[in-house]
Amino acid sequence: MIAVLDYDAGNLASVKKALDFIGVENKVASSGKELKEAAGLIIPGVGAFGEAKRRLEERGLDNDILSFVKSGKPVLGICLGMQLLFEESEEAPGVKG
């Protein structure tokens, strides 16, 4: 099962619809527990780096994503979702990815 991360900053409906269309088992996930059950993770994203990072932190998902990445399971970041995997962004100086 592929988890599509819901952190209230992504275009997850389009990603979920695409996965459904090609027959990939998936679930919209918004907790660390759901991420642990997934074989892969997609982090969609539309919006501003700083605001998205704040939303991840509020939900405690920043550490969950880091743990998932360290597990060696595949991760796909789309647009802002990929940017959040970097150490920082020029868009939001001082905000760590």
C-alpha atoms as a PDB file:
ATOM      1  CA  MET A   1       0.000   0.000   0.000  1.00  0.00           C
ATOM      2  CA  ILE A   2       1.239   3.470  -0.926  1.00  0.00           C
ATOM      3  CA  ALA A   3       0.512   6.272   1.531  1.00  0.00           C
ATOM      4  CA  VAL A   4      -0.443   9.656   0.095  1.00  0.00           C
ATOM      5  CA  LEU A   5       0.429  12.142   2.826  1.00  0.00           C
ATOM      6  CA  ASP A   6      -2.306  14.533   3.930  1.00  0.00           C
ATOM      7  CA  TYR A   7      -0.834  17.537   5.718  1.00  0.00           C
ATOM      8  CA  ASP A   8      -3.407  20.030   4.469  1.00  0.00           C
ATOM      9  CA  ALA A   9      -1.040  21.534   1.917  1.00  0.00           C
ATOM     10  CA  GLY A  10      -1.118  19.186  -1.011  1.00  0.00           C
ATOM     11  CA  ASN A  11      -3.146  18.305  -4.052  1.00  0.00           C
ATOM     12  CA  LEU A  12      -3.691  14.793  -2.758  1.00  0.00           C
ATOM     13  CA  ALA A  13      -7.007  14.182  -4.530  1.00  0.00           C
ATOM     14  CA  SER A  14      -5.303  14.223  -7.940  1.00  0.00           C
ATOM     15  CA  VAL A  15      -2.531  11.894  -6.751  1.00  0.00           C
ATOM     16  CA  LYS A  16      -5.016   9.473  -5.192  1.00  0.00           C
ATOM     17  CA  LYS A  17      -7.167   9.511  -8.325  1.00  0.00           C
ATOM     18  CA  ALA A  18      -4.131   8.741 -10.510  1.00  0.00           C
ATOM     19  CA  LEU A  19      -3.106   5.819  -8.289  1.00  0.00           C
ATOM     20  CA  ASP A  20      -6.667   4.480  -8.295  1.00  0.00           C
ATOM     21  CA  PHE A  21      -6.774   4.755 -12.090  1.00  0.00           C
ATOM     22  CA  ILE A  22      -3.659   2.615 -12.546  1.00  0.00           C
ATOM     23  CA  GLY A  23      -4.767   0.129  -9.897  1.00  0.00           C
ATOM     24  CA  VAL A  24      -2.209   0.880  -7.175  1.00  0.00           C
ATOM     25  CA  GLU A  25      -3.409   0.161  -3.642  1.00  0.00           C
ATOM     26  CA  ASN A  26      -3.205   3.440  -1.737  1.00  0.00           C
ATOM     27  CA  LYS A  27      -4.482   5.305   1.282  1.00  0.00           C
ATOM     28  CA  VAL A  28      -4.569   8.952   2.258  1.00  0.00           C
ATOM     29  CA  ALA A  29      -2.516   9.032   5.453  1.00  0.00           C
ATOM     30  CA  SER A  30      -2.293  11.700   8.113  1.00  0.00           C
ATOM     31  CA  SER A  31      -0.559   9.926  11.011  1.00  0.00           C
ATOM     32  CA  GLY A  32       2.723   8.231  11.770  1.00  0.00           C
ATOM     33  CA  LYS A  33       0.916   4.958  12.415  1.00  0.00           C
ATOM     34  CA  GLU A  34      -0.504   4.998   8.893  1.00  0.00           C
ATOM     35  CA  LEU A  35       2.926   5.748   7.446  1.00  0.00           C
ATOM     36  CA  LYS A  36       4.490   2.783   9.261  1.00  0.00           C
ATOM     37  CA  GLU A  37       1.995   0.469   7.542  1.00  0.00           C
ATOM     38  CA  ALA A  38       2.862   1.765   4.058  1.00  0.00           C
ATOM     39  CA  ALA A  39       5.283   0.233   1.573  1.00  0.00           C
ATOM     40  CA  GLY A  40       5.898   3.620  -0.045  1.00  0.00           C
ATOM     41  CA  LEU A  41       5.096   7.278   0.504  1.00  0.00           C
ATOM     42  CA  ILE A  42       4.024  10.081  -1.805  1.00  0.00           C
ATOM     43  CA  ILE A  43       4.260  13.626  -0.479  1.00  0.00           C
ATOM     44  CA  PRO A  44       2.205  15.881  -2.746  1.00  0.00           C
ATOM     45  CA  GLY A  45       2.404  19.601  -2.354  1.00  0.00           C
ATOM     46  CA  VAL A  46       1.039  22.913  -3.429  1.00  0.00           C
ATOM     47  CA  GLY A  47       1.802  26.022  -1.416  1.00  0.00           C
ATOM     48  CA  ALA A  48       4.584  27.780   0.446  1.00  0.00           C
ATOM     49  CA  PHE A  49       7.528  25.993   2.037  1.00  0.00           C
ATOM     50  CA  GLY A  50       7.347  27.690   5.444  1.00  0.00           C
ATOM     51  CA  GLU A  51       3.620  27.179   5.880  1.00  0.00           C
ATOM     52  CA  ALA A  52       3.802  23.547   4.778  1.00  0.00           C
ATOM     53  CA  LYS A  53       6.630  22.834   7.226  1.00  0.00           C
ATOM     54  CA  ARG A  54       4.611  24.446  10.028  1.00  0.00           C
ATOM     55  CA  ARG A  55       1.649  22.185   9.220  1.00  0.00           C
ATOM     56  CA  LEU A  56       3.874  19.104   9.247  1.00  0.00           C
ATOM     57  CA  GLU A  57       5.289  20.092  12.630  1.00  0.00           C
ATOM     58  CA  GLU A  58       1.830  20.804  14.097  1.00  0.00           C
ATOM     59  CA  ARG A  59       0.763  17.276  13.160  1.00  0.00           C
ATOM     60  CA  GLY A  60       4.040  15.700  14.270  1.00  0.00           C
ATOM     61  CA  LEU A  61       4.552  14.425  10.738  1.00  0.00           C
ATOM     62  CA  ASP A  62       7.992  15.963  10.191  1.00  0.00           C
ATOM     63  CA  ASN A  63       9.669  13.304  12.343  1.00  0.00           C
ATOM     64  CA  ASP A  64       7.444  10.574  10.898  1.00  0.00           C
ATOM     65  CA  ILE A  65       8.566  11.487   7.374  1.00  0.00           C
ATOM     66  CA  LEU A  66      12.209  11.468   8.452  1.00  0.00           C
ATOM     67  CA  SER A  67      11.776   8.006   9.992  1.00  0.00           C
ATOM     68  CA  PHE A  68      10.101   6.781   6.819  1.00  0.00           C
ATOM     69  CA  VAL A  69      12.944   8.091   4.649  1.00  0.00           C
ATOM     70  CA  LYS A  70      15.519   6.451   6.940  1.00  0.00           C
ATOM     71  CA  SER A  71      13.657   3.128   6.664  1.00  0.00           C
ATOM     72  CA  GLY A  72      14.770   2.862   3.046  1.00  0.00           C
ATOM     73  CA  LYS A  73      11.238   2.560   1.703  1.00  0.00           C
ATOM     74  CA  PRO A  74      10.564   4.545  -1.492  1.00  0.00           C
ATOM     75  CA  VAL A  75       9.479   8.166  -1.187  1.00  0.00           C
ATOM     76  CA  LEU A  76       8.214  10.407  -3.968  1.00  0.00           C
ATOM     77  CA  GLY A  77       7.888  14.120  -3.360  1.00  0.00           C
ATOM     78  CA  ILE A  78       5.833  16.076  -5.868  1.00  0.00           C
ATOM     79  CA  CYS A  79       6.563  19.789  -6.222  1.00  0.00           C
ATOM     80  CA  LEU A  80       6.465  21.246  -2.684  1.00  0.00           C
ATOM     81  CA  GLY A  81       6.529  17.687  -1.335  1.00  0.00           C
ATOM     82  CA  MET A  82      10.002  17.230  -2.860  1.00  0.00           C
ATOM     83  CA  GLN A  83      11.181  20.639  -1.677  1.00  0.00           C
ATOM     84  CA  LEU A  84      10.294  19.718   1.905  1.00  0.00           C
ATOM     85  CA  LEU A  85      12.806  16.862   1.722  1.00  0.00           C
ATOM     86  CA  PHE A  86      15.667  19.329   1.303  1.00  0.00           C
ATOM     87  CA  GLU A  87      17.558  20.813   4.253  1.00  0.00           C
ATOM     88  CA  GLU A  88      16.168  24.292   3.653  1.00  0.00           C
ATOM     89  CA  SER A  89      14.557  26.559   1.097  1.00  0.00           C
ATOM     90  CA  GLU A  90      15.437  29.973  -0.276  1.00  0.00           C
ATOM     91  CA  GLU A  91      11.709  30.652  -0.239  1.00  0.00           C
ATOM     92  CA  ALA A  92      11.609  30.570   3.571  1.00  0.00           C
ATOM     93  CA  PRO A  93      15.017  31.536   5.000  1.00  0.00           C
ATOM     94  CA  GLY A  94      15.673  29.953   8.365  1.00  0.00           C
ATOM     95  CA  VAL A  95      12.996  27.264   8.010  1.00  0.00           C
ATOM     96  CA  LYS A  96      14.539  23.801   7.955  1.00  0.00           C
ATOM     97  CA  GLY A  97      13.257  21.073   5.677  1.00  0.00           C
END
